[in-house]
Amino acid sequence: MKTLKILTMTTLALTLTSTLAFAETFTKGVVKKVDAEAGKVTIIHEELVSLDMPAMTMVFRADEDVIAQMAEGDEIEFTADRVEGKLKVTALK
């Protein structure tokens, strides 16, 4: 019984640790340009920790519904990832 408790607690601890490790890290930025037709948005952003990328201005791909939530000059918090080799905004706060 004691072994089962230890095993259960260990499993729970590992699950929580891995969940926290994969939690989305939002990055602050300012929308510089929106090109809805091309599905692209230019963002001046802080460091992208999840992509090990310094602060800079760059172009990201984004889905229509995400682009619809952005306008030039907006201050945003977003997540980005590499999708099929291209950088893409994956979520907005």
N, C-alpha and C. Protein backbone atom coordinates (compact mmCIF):
# COMPACT_ATOMS: atom_id res chain seq x y z
N MET A 1 0.82 -1.19 0.00
CA MET A 1 0.00 0.00 0.00
C MET A 1 0.87 1.27 0.00
N LYS A 2 1.94 1.24 0.79
CA LYS A 2 2.84 2.39 0.86
C LYS A 2 3.49 2.64 -0.50
N THR A 3 3.86 1.57 -1.19
CA THR A 3 4.47 1.67 -2.51
C THR A 3 3.50 2.31 -3.50
N LEU A 4 2.24 1.94 -3.42
CA LEU A 4 1.21 2.50 -4.30
C LEU A 4 1.06 4.00 -4.07
N LYS A 5 1.08 4.43 -2.81
CA LYS A 5 0.99 5.86 -2.50
C LYS A 5 2.18 6.62 -3.08
N ILE A 6 3.35 6.07 -2.91
CA ILE A 6 4.56 6.72 -3.43
C ILE A 6 4.51 6.80 -4.95
N LEU A 7 4.09 5.74 -5.58
CA LEU A 7 3.97 5.72 -7.04
C LEU A 7 2.95 6.74 -7.52
N THR A 8 1.82 6.82 -6.84
CA THR A 8 0.78 7.78 -7.20
C THR A 8 1.28 9.21 -7.04
N MET A 9 1.94 9.51 -5.96
CA MET A 9 2.46 10.86 -5.71
C MET A 9 3.54 11.23 -6.74
N THR A 10 4.38 10.29 -7.07
CA THR A 10 5.42 10.53 -8.07
C THR A 10 4.80 10.82 -9.43
N THR A 11 3.82 10.05 -9.81
CA THR A 11 3.13 10.25 -11.09
C THR A 11 2.46 11.62 -11.12
N LEU A 12 1.80 12.00 -10.05
CA LEU A 12 1.16 13.30 -9.96
C LEU A 12 2.18 14.43 -10.09
N ALA A 13 3.29 14.31 -9.39
CA ALA A 13 4.34 15.34 -9.45
C ALA A 13 4.90 15.47 -10.86
N LEU A 14 5.14 14.36 -11.52
CA LEU A 14 5.66 14.41 -12.89
C LEU A 14 4.65 15.01 -13.85
N THR A 15 3.39 14.71 -13.67
CA THR A 15 2.33 15.26 -14.53
C THR A 15 2.26 16.77 -14.36
N LEU A 16 2.27 17.25 -13.14
CA LEU A 16 2.23 18.69 -12.89
C LEU A 16 3.46 19.39 -13.45
N THR A 17 4.62 18.80 -13.28
CA THR A 17 5.85 19.39 -13.79
C THR A 17 5.82 19.49 -15.31
N SER A 18 5.41 18.45 -15.98
CA SER A 18 5.38 18.48 -17.44
C SER A 18 4.31 19.43 -17.94
N THR A 19 3.20 19.56 -17.24
CA THR A 19 2.16 20.49 -17.64
C THR A 19 2.68 21.92 -17.54
N LEU A 20 3.38 22.24 -16.47
CA LEU A 20 3.93 23.58 -16.32
C LEU A 20 5.00 23.86 -17.36
N ALA A 21 5.78 22.88 -17.72
CA ALA A 21 6.84 23.06 -18.70
C ALA A 21 6.27 23.39 -20.08
N PHE A 22 5.08 22.88 -20.38
CA PHE A 22 4.48 23.11 -21.68
C PHE A 22 3.44 24.22 -21.67
N ALA A 23 3.31 24.95 -20.57
CA ALA A 23 2.37 26.06 -20.51
C ALA A 23 2.79 27.12 -21.51
N GLU A 24 1.81 27.73 -22.14
CA GLU A 24 2.11 28.74 -23.14
C GLU A 24 2.71 29.98 -22.50
N THR A 25 3.73 30.50 -23.12
CA THR A 25 4.35 31.73 -22.67
C THR A 25 3.93 32.84 -23.62
N PHE A 26 3.17 33.79 -23.10
CA PHE A 26 2.73 34.91 -23.94
C PHE A 26 3.81 35.97 -23.99
N THR A 27 3.93 36.60 -25.15
CA THR A 27 4.93 37.64 -25.40
C THR A 27 4.20 38.93 -25.73
N LYS A 28 4.70 40.04 -25.21
CA LYS A 28 4.10 41.34 -25.51
C LYS A 28 4.64 41.86 -26.84
N GLY A 29 3.77 42.55 -27.56
CA GLY A 29 4.18 43.13 -28.82
C GLY A 29 3.22 44.23 -29.26
N VAL A 30 3.61 44.91 -30.34
CA VAL A 30 2.78 45.94 -30.95
C VAL A 30 2.63 45.58 -32.42
N VAL A 31 1.38 45.58 -32.89
CA VAL A 31 1.11 45.26 -34.30
C VAL A 31 1.55 46.45 -35.14
N LYS A 32 2.47 46.19 -36.06
CA LYS A 32 2.98 47.24 -36.94
C LYS A 32 2.21 47.28 -38.26
N LYS A 33 1.88 46.09 -38.78
CA LYS A 33 1.20 46.02 -40.07
C LYS A 33 0.36 44.75 -40.13
N VAL A 34 -0.80 44.85 -40.76
CA VAL A 34 -1.66 43.68 -40.96
C VAL A 34 -1.90 43.52 -42.46
N ASP A 35 -1.62 42.33 -42.98
CA ASP A 35 -1.89 42.01 -44.38
C ASP A 35 -2.82 40.80 -44.39
N ALA A 36 -4.12 41.08 -44.26
CA ALA A 36 -5.12 40.02 -44.14
C ALA A 36 -5.16 39.13 -45.38
N GLU A 37 -5.01 39.72 -46.56
CA GLU A 37 -5.04 38.93 -47.80
C GLU A 37 -3.94 37.88 -47.84
N ALA A 38 -2.76 38.25 -47.37
CA ALA A 38 -1.62 37.33 -47.39
C ALA A 38 -1.57 36.45 -46.14
N GLY A 39 -2.41 36.76 -45.15
CA GLY A 39 -2.40 35.99 -43.91
C GLY A 39 -1.15 36.26 -43.07
N LYS A 40 -0.69 37.52 -43.11
CA LYS A 40 0.53 37.88 -42.40
C LYS A 40 0.32 39.11 -41.53
N VAL A 41 1.09 39.18 -40.45
CA VAL A 41 1.06 40.33 -39.56
C VAL A 41 2.50 40.63 -39.12
N THR A 42 2.86 41.91 -39.12
CA THR A 42 4.18 42.33 -38.66
C THR A 42 4.04 42.81 -37.22
N ILE A 43 4.87 42.26 -36.34
CA ILE A 43 4.79 42.57 -34.91
C ILE A 43 6.16 42.98 -34.39
N ILE A 44 6.19 44.10 -33.64
CA ILE A 44 7.38 44.50 -32.90
C ILE A 44 7.22 43.81 -31.55
N HIS A 45 8.08 42.84 -31.25
CA HIS A 45 7.85 42.02 -30.06
C HIS A 45 9.04 41.96 -29.12
N GLU A 46 8.73 41.61 -27.86
CA GLU A 46 9.76 41.34 -26.87
C GLU A 46 10.36 39.97 -27.18
N GLU A 47 11.28 39.53 -26.34
CA GLU A 47 11.91 38.23 -26.53
C GLU A 47 10.86 37.12 -26.59
N LEU A 48 11.00 36.24 -27.58
CA LEU A 48 10.15 35.06 -27.69
C LEU A 48 10.88 33.91 -27.01
N VAL A 49 10.62 33.73 -25.73
CA VAL A 49 11.33 32.75 -24.92
C VAL A 49 11.15 31.34 -25.49
N SER A 50 9.92 31.00 -25.88
CA SER A 50 9.64 29.64 -26.35
C SER A 50 10.37 29.31 -27.65
N LEU A 51 10.75 30.33 -28.41
CA LEU A 51 11.47 30.10 -29.67
C LEU A 51 12.93 30.51 -29.57
N ASP A 52 13.37 30.90 -28.36
CA ASP A 52 14.75 31.33 -28.15
C ASP A 52 15.14 32.41 -29.15
N MET A 53 14.30 33.47 -29.23
CA MET A 53 14.48 34.53 -30.21
C MET A 53 14.49 35.88 -29.50
N PRO A 54 15.47 36.74 -29.80
CA PRO A 54 15.52 38.05 -29.13
C PRO A 54 14.39 38.97 -29.61
N ALA A 55 14.23 40.07 -28.91
CA ALA A 55 13.24 41.08 -29.30
C ALA A 55 13.60 41.63 -30.68
N MET A 56 12.58 41.82 -31.50
CA MET A 56 12.79 42.35 -32.85
C MET A 56 11.45 42.64 -33.51
N THR A 57 11.50 43.09 -34.74
CA THR A 57 10.30 43.26 -35.56
C THR A 57 10.34 42.17 -36.61
N MET A 58 9.23 41.43 -36.73
CA MET A 58 9.20 40.37 -37.73
C MET A 58 7.79 40.08 -38.21
N VAL A 59 7.72 39.36 -39.32
CA VAL A 59 6.45 38.99 -39.94
C VAL A 59 6.09 37.57 -39.50
N PHE A 60 4.84 37.40 -39.10
CA PHE A 60 4.30 36.10 -38.72
C PHE A 60 3.12 35.76 -39.61
N ARG A 61 2.89 34.49 -39.79
CA ARG A 61 1.65 34.04 -40.42
C ARG A 61 0.59 34.00 -39.32
N ALA A 62 -0.67 34.07 -39.71
CA ALA A 62 -1.76 33.96 -38.74
C ALA A 62 -3.03 33.56 -39.48
N ASP A 63 -3.89 32.82 -38.79
CA ASP A 63 -5.18 32.43 -39.36
C ASP A 63 -6.10 33.65 -39.43
N GLU A 64 -7.13 33.55 -40.28
CA GLU A 64 -8.07 34.66 -40.48
C GLU A 64 -8.67 35.16 -39.18
N ASP A 65 -9.10 34.23 -38.32
CA ASP A 65 -9.76 34.63 -37.07
C ASP A 65 -8.80 35.37 -36.14
N VAL A 66 -7.53 35.03 -36.18
CA VAL A 66 -6.53 35.73 -35.35
C VAL A 66 -6.25 37.11 -35.94
N ILE A 67 -6.09 37.18 -37.24
CA ILE A 67 -5.84 38.47 -37.90
C ILE A 67 -7.01 39.42 -37.69
N ALA A 68 -8.22 38.90 -37.68
CA ALA A 68 -9.41 39.73 -37.50
C ALA A 68 -9.42 40.43 -36.14
N GLN A 69 -8.67 39.91 -35.19
CA GLN A 69 -8.61 40.50 -33.85
C GLN A 69 -7.51 41.55 -33.71
N MET A 70 -6.75 41.80 -34.79
CA MET A 70 -5.62 42.72 -34.72
C MET A 70 -5.80 43.91 -35.65
N ALA A 71 -5.27 45.04 -35.19
CA ALA A 71 -5.23 46.25 -36.02
C ALA A 71 -3.89 46.93 -35.78
N GLU A 72 -3.43 47.68 -36.77
CA GLU A 72 -2.15 48.38 -36.62
C GLU A 72 -2.17 49.25 -35.38
N GLY A 73 -1.10 49.18 -34.60
CA GLY A 73 -0.97 49.97 -33.39
C GLY A 73 -1.45 49.26 -32.13
N ASP A 74 -2.14 48.12 -32.27
CA ASP A 74 -2.63 47.38 -31.10
C ASP A 74 -1.47 46.84 -30.27
N GLU A 75 -1.58 46.99 -28.96
CA GLU A 75 -0.65 46.32 -28.04
C GLU A 75 -1.26 44.96 -27.74
N ILE A 76 -0.50 43.90 -27.99
CA ILE A 76 -1.03 42.55 -27.84
C ILE A 76 -0.12 41.69 -26.96
N GLU A 77 -0.67 40.57 -26.54
CA GLU A 77 0.10 39.49 -25.93
C GLU A 77 -0.24 38.26 -26.76
N PHE A 78 0.79 37.56 -27.24
CA PHE A 78 0.57 36.46 -28.17
C PHE A 78 1.54 35.31 -27.92
N THR A 79 1.18 34.18 -28.49
CA THR A 79 2.11 33.05 -28.54
C THR A 79 2.40 32.77 -30.01
N ALA A 80 3.57 32.24 -30.27
CA ALA A 80 3.96 31.91 -31.63
C ALA A 80 4.68 30.58 -31.63
N ASP A 81 4.64 29.92 -32.77
CA ASP A 81 5.33 28.64 -32.91
C ASP A 81 5.71 28.45 -34.36
N ARG A 82 6.57 27.48 -34.60
CA ARG A 82 6.91 27.12 -35.99
C ARG A 82 5.89 26.10 -36.47
N VAL A 83 5.20 26.45 -37.54
CA VAL A 83 4.20 25.57 -38.13
C VAL A 83 4.58 25.37 -39.59
N GLU A 84 4.90 24.15 -39.94
CA GLU A 84 5.34 23.82 -41.30
C GLU A 84 6.50 24.72 -41.73
N GLY A 85 7.42 24.96 -40.81
CA GLY A 85 8.63 25.72 -41.11
C GLY A 85 8.46 27.23 -41.09
N LYS A 86 7.26 27.73 -40.83
CA LYS A 86 7.01 29.17 -40.81
C LYS A 86 6.59 29.58 -39.41
N LEU A 87 6.95 30.80 -39.01
CA LEU A 87 6.53 31.31 -37.71
C LEU A 87 5.08 31.76 -37.80
N LYS A 88 4.29 31.35 -36.79
CA LYS A 88 2.86 31.61 -36.84
C LYS A 88 2.36 32.05 -35.46
N VAL A 89 1.51 33.09 -35.44
CA VAL A 89 0.83 33.48 -34.21
C VAL A 89 -0.20 32.40 -33.94
N THR A 90 -0.12 31.79 -32.76
CA THR A 90 -1.01 30.68 -32.43
C THR A 90 -2.11 31.06 -31.46
N ALA A 91 -1.93 32.14 -30.70
CA ALA A 91 -2.97 32.58 -29.76
C ALA A 91 -2.77 34.04 -29.38
N LEU A 92 -3.88 34.68 -29.06
CA LEU A 92 -3.86 36.05 -28.55
C LEU A 92 -4.54 36.09 -27.20
N LYS A 93 -4.11 37.01 -26.36
CA LYS A 93 -4.77 37.21 -25.06
C LYS A 93 -5.73 38.35 -25.17
